[in-house]
Amino acid sequence: MTTNCEVLDDFVSHARKDQRGKLKDKFTSQKLDRGQFVFFEGDDAAFMYLIESGVVEANVVHGDGKVYIFHFIFPGEIFGEGVIYGQDFYPFSTVARKEAVVWRVPKDDLLAAAEADPAFKMYLLELIGKKLDLSYVKARCIAGERVEKRVACILLKTLDQQQGIFSHCVEKLDTPLTNRDISGLIGSTEETVSRVMSRLKKEGIIGTEDKQLVVLDRDALMGYFESM
């Protein structure tokens, strides 16, 4: 079975025309089952990755065994990008939250392509900048805010990151996002998140479809976020 490469084709299209084929050949695909790790925290940072399909979770495990989720990574996004600015070890682990296909490129090949093509190098910096912006958004979500506002903020952030996936006129969170996941994202307890999510469901703001969260009323969720 051939691997779809629309995302990869878009990525290499930012390189010079005479370099695109050569750069594309440096990528290899990796199919991931749900729960399969891509790399672990502390592994040598040897590759950068690009998601073609599926969802990947970036996390760290605290000393008490609790998993802290940095973020979810969706199709078209990169991870392991620290290789671009000299990172020697991955600072977190990555695991497939649903079946996924990722592309990986060796650090040395990526850096060589960037040095040979200033425009492509700038594109890589723009991708890193977007990820940094997402980190700022999350930091604002959880810094000193009430847990209700943190939950609403994370749900809105995830919707925006997916660029609005619609199903039956509602916005669908195309990832198996559980109360435990949300608690790991915002640094709260699963019990507290469960209470907030139950309240949002009772108010008709969120629901479930095919065992996944859907946002029934985005405006109401935004109002819930802004009013707290």
Protein backbone atom coordinates (compact mmCIF):
# COMPACT_ATOMS: atom_id res chain seq x y z
CA MET A 1 0.00 0.00 0.00
CA THR A 2 1.41 3.37 -0.99
CA THR A 3 1.67 6.16 1.54
CA ASN A 4 -0.17 9.41 0.87
CA CYS A 5 2.32 12.28 0.82
CA GLU A 6 0.26 15.45 0.35
CA VAL A 7 1.65 16.98 3.52
CA LEU A 8 5.22 16.06 2.59
CA ASP A 9 4.77 17.47 -0.91
CA ASP A 10 3.54 20.76 0.56
CA PHE A 11 6.49 20.85 2.95
CA VAL A 12 9.16 20.34 0.28
CA SER A 13 7.39 22.81 -2.05
CA HIS A 14 8.94 25.57 0.07
CA ALA A 15 12.42 24.54 -1.06
CA ARG A 16 13.98 25.61 -4.35
CA LYS A 17 12.60 23.73 -7.33
CA ASP A 18 15.97 22.17 -8.10
CA GLN A 19 16.25 20.90 -4.51
CA ARG A 20 12.74 19.54 -3.92
CA GLY A 21 13.24 16.04 -5.30
CA LYS A 22 16.52 15.60 -3.47
CA LEU A 23 15.01 16.83 -0.19
CA LYS A 24 11.93 14.61 -0.53
CA ASP A 25 14.15 11.56 -1.01
CA LYS A 26 15.69 12.21 2.42
CA PHE A 27 12.35 11.56 4.14
CA THR A 28 11.19 8.09 5.15
CA SER A 29 7.67 7.23 6.31
CA GLN A 30 6.78 5.53 9.56
CA LYS A 31 3.34 4.05 10.25
CA LEU A 32 2.31 4.13 13.89
CA ASP A 33 -0.27 2.11 15.75
CA ARG A 34 -2.24 3.70 18.55
CA GLY A 35 0.00 3.82 21.63
CA GLN A 36 3.24 3.39 19.68
CA PHE A 37 6.06 5.75 20.70
CA VAL A 38 8.06 7.72 18.15
CA PHE A 39 10.83 8.65 20.58
CA PHE A 40 11.34 8.96 24.31
CA GLU A 41 12.46 11.88 26.45
CA GLY A 42 16.27 11.89 26.52
CA ASP A 43 16.75 10.03 23.21
CA ASP A 44 19.35 11.44 20.83
CA ALA A 45 17.74 14.14 18.68
CA ALA A 46 18.60 12.68 15.29
CA PHE A 47 15.46 13.40 13.22
CA MET A 48 12.79 15.98 12.65
CA TYR A 49 9.26 14.65 12.04
CA LEU A 50 6.30 15.76 9.96
CA ILE A 51 2.78 14.37 10.49
CA GLU A 52 0.98 13.17 7.36
CA SER A 53 -2.07 11.78 9.18
CA GLY A 54 -3.25 10.93 12.67
CA VAL A 55 -2.53 12.56 16.03
CA VAL A 56 0.65 12.47 18.12
CA GLU A 57 0.90 13.44 21.79
CA ALA A 58 3.99 15.11 23.28
CA ASN A 59 4.41 14.45 27.01
CA VAL A 60 6.74 14.04 29.96
CA VAL A 61 6.36 11.79 33.00
CA HIS A 62 6.83 13.46 36.37
CA GLY A 63 8.65 11.81 39.25
CA ASP A 64 5.32 10.77 40.79
CA GLY A 65 4.40 8.93 37.60
CA LYS A 66 1.83 11.49 36.46
CA VAL A 67 1.87 12.23 32.73
CA TYR A 68 2.01 15.91 31.78
CA ILE A 69 0.86 16.57 28.21
CA PHE A 70 2.61 19.41 26.41
CA HIS A 71 0.37 19.39 23.37
CA PHE A 72 -1.19 17.33 20.60
CA ILE A 73 0.38 17.44 17.14
CA PHE A 74 -1.82 17.28 14.06
CA PRO A 75 -1.35 16.64 10.31
CA GLY A 76 0.84 19.25 8.65
CA GLU A 77 2.73 20.02 11.86
CA ILE A 78 6.33 19.22 12.72
CA PHE A 79 7.88 17.89 15.91
CA GLY A 80 11.44 17.24 17.02
CA GLU A 81 12.18 20.63 15.48
CA GLY A 82 14.84 21.28 18.13
CA VAL A 83 17.35 19.64 15.79
CA ILE A 84 17.19 22.84 13.73
CA TYR A 85 18.63 24.95 16.54
CA GLY A 86 21.13 22.48 17.97
CA GLN A 87 19.11 20.37 20.38
CA ASP A 88 21.04 17.18 21.21
CA PHE A 89 18.30 15.29 23.11
CA TYR A 90 14.53 15.25 22.83
CA PRO A 91 13.05 17.04 25.88
CA PHE A 92 9.79 15.05 25.80
CA SER A 93 8.33 11.77 24.57
CA THR A 94 5.95 11.41 21.61
CA VAL A 95 3.29 8.72 21.21
CA ALA A 96 0.55 8.11 18.63
CA ARG A 97 -2.91 8.77 20.08
CA LYS A 98 -4.53 7.23 17.01
CA GLU A 99 -3.15 5.45 13.96
CA ALA A 100 -0.74 7.83 12.30
CA VAL A 101 1.74 8.24 9.47
CA VAL A 102 4.76 10.44 10.07
CA TRP A 103 7.73 11.37 7.92
CA ARG A 104 11.20 11.70 9.39
CA VAL A 105 14.27 13.38 7.99
CA PRO A 106 17.83 13.07 9.37
CA LYS A 107 19.05 16.17 11.15
CA ASP A 108 22.16 16.56 8.99
CA ASP A 109 20.20 16.35 5.73
CA LEU A 110 17.64 18.89 6.91
CA LEU A 111 20.29 21.34 8.08
CA ALA A 112 22.20 20.98 4.82
CA ALA A 113 19.05 21.79 2.85
CA ALA A 114 18.39 24.82 5.03
CA GLU A 115 21.92 26.17 4.65
CA ALA A 116 21.77 25.78 0.88
CA ASP A 117 18.40 27.54 0.58
CA PRO A 118 17.82 30.72 2.66
CA ALA A 119 14.12 30.84 1.71
CA PHE A 120 13.59 27.28 2.94
CA LYS A 121 15.50 28.09 6.12
CA MET A 122 13.15 31.01 6.71
CA TYR A 123 10.17 28.69 6.22
CA LEU A 124 11.51 26.36 8.92
CA LEU A 125 11.91 29.32 11.26
CA GLU A 126 8.30 30.32 10.56
CA LEU A 127 7.12 26.83 11.51
CA ILE A 128 9.10 27.02 14.75
CA GLY A 129 7.62 30.46 15.41
CA LYS A 130 4.07 29.09 15.03
CA LYS A 131 4.80 26.35 17.55
CA LEU A 132 6.20 28.95 19.91
CA ASP A 133 3.00 30.97 19.57
CA LEU A 134 0.97 27.86 20.46
CA SER A 135 3.13 27.41 23.55
CA TYR A 136 2.40 31.01 24.58
CA VAL A 137 -1.32 30.40 24.14
CA LYS A 138 -1.19 27.33 26.34
CA ALA A 139 0.90 29.15 28.94
CA ARG A 140 -1.76 31.86 29.09
CA CYS A 141 -4.45 29.18 29.37
CA ILE A 142 -3.02 27.72 32.55
CA ALA A 143 -1.22 30.64 34.22
CA GLY A 144 -3.18 31.70 37.28
CA GLU A 145 -6.62 31.11 35.74
CA ARG A 146 -9.59 29.31 37.26
CA VAL A 147 -9.88 25.70 36.11
CA GLU A 148 -13.13 26.43 34.21
CA LYS A 149 -11.35 29.00 32.09
CA ARG A 150 -8.37 26.70 31.56
CA VAL A 151 -10.62 23.92 30.26
CA ALA A 152 -12.48 26.25 27.88
CA CYS A 153 -9.18 27.72 26.67
CA ILE A 154 -7.67 24.30 25.91
CA LEU A 155 -10.78 23.20 24.00
CA LEU A 156 -10.77 26.39 21.91
CA LYS A 157 -7.00 26.11 21.32
CA THR A 158 -7.39 22.53 20.09
CA LEU A 159 -10.21 23.52 17.72
CA ASP A 160 -8.16 26.36 16.26
CA GLN A 161 -5.10 24.15 15.92
CA GLN A 162 -7.16 21.70 13.84
CA GLN A 163 -8.52 24.61 11.77
CA GLY A 164 -12.14 23.67 12.43
CA ILE A 165 -13.05 20.09 11.54
CA PHE A 166 -16.82 20.05 11.02
CA SER A 167 -19.20 17.09 11.35
CA HIS A 168 -22.98 17.45 11.16
CA CYS A 169 -22.72 21.23 11.68
CA VAL A 170 -20.70 20.93 14.89
CA GLU A 171 -16.96 21.35 15.39
CA LYS A 172 -15.27 18.05 16.14
CA LEU A 173 -12.12 17.55 18.19
CA ASP A 174 -10.45 14.97 15.97
CA THR A 175 -8.47 13.35 18.77
CA PRO A 176 -9.46 10.97 21.58
CA LEU A 177 -9.34 13.82 24.10
CA THR A 178 -10.33 12.50 27.53
CA ASN A 179 -10.80 14.20 30.89
CA ARG A 180 -7.47 12.70 31.92
CA ASP A 181 -5.82 14.25 28.86
CA ILE A 182 -7.28 17.66 29.64
CA SER A 183 -6.12 17.42 33.26
CA GLY A 184 -2.63 16.63 31.96
CA LEU A 185 -2.76 19.61 29.61
CA ILE A 186 -3.87 22.18 32.18
CA GLY A 187 -2.19 20.82 35.31
CA SER A 188 -5.37 20.03 37.23
CA THR A 189 -6.95 16.87 38.63
CA GLU A 190 -9.08 14.51 36.58
CA GLU A 191 -11.94 14.84 39.08
CA THR A 192 -12.03 18.64 38.78
CA VAL A 193 -11.93 18.49 34.97
CA SER A 194 -14.73 15.93 35.01
CA ARG A 195 -16.97 18.31 36.95
CA VAL A 196 -16.31 21.15 34.52
CA MET A 197 -16.89 18.96 31.47
CA SER A 198 -20.17 17.66 32.93
CA ARG A 199 -21.32 21.25 33.43
CA LEU A 200 -20.44 22.15 29.82
CA LYS A 201 -22.40 19.13 28.58
CA LYS A 202 -25.44 20.00 30.71
CA GLU A 203 -25.40 23.51 29.29
CA GLY A 204 -25.32 22.12 25.72
CA ILE A 205 -21.92 23.63 24.91
CA ILE A 206 -20.12 20.34 24.24
CA GLY A 207 -21.18 16.77 23.53
CA THR A 208 -19.89 13.51 22.10
CA GLU A 209 -20.04 11.96 18.65
CA ASP A 210 -18.49 8.60 17.76
CA LYS A 211 -16.86 8.63 21.23
CA GLN A 212 -15.13 11.94 20.47
CA LEU A 213 -15.76 15.40 21.84
CA VAL A 214 -17.69 17.87 19.72
CA VAL A 215 -18.29 21.55 20.36
CA LEU A 216 -21.98 22.23 19.89
CA ASP A 217 -21.81 25.97 20.53
CA ARG A 218 -18.46 27.64 19.96
CA ASP A 219 -19.78 31.11 20.79
CA ALA A 220 -21.08 29.85 24.13
CA LEU A 221 -17.73 28.19 24.85
CA MET A 222 -15.95 31.44 24.04
CA GLY A 223 -18.38 33.32 26.29
CA TYR A 224 -17.74 30.77 29.03
CA PHE A 225 -14.01 31.41 28.63
CA GLU A 226 -14.31 35.20 28.59
CA SER A 227 -16.73 35.45 31.51
CA MET A 228 -14.57 33.56 34.01
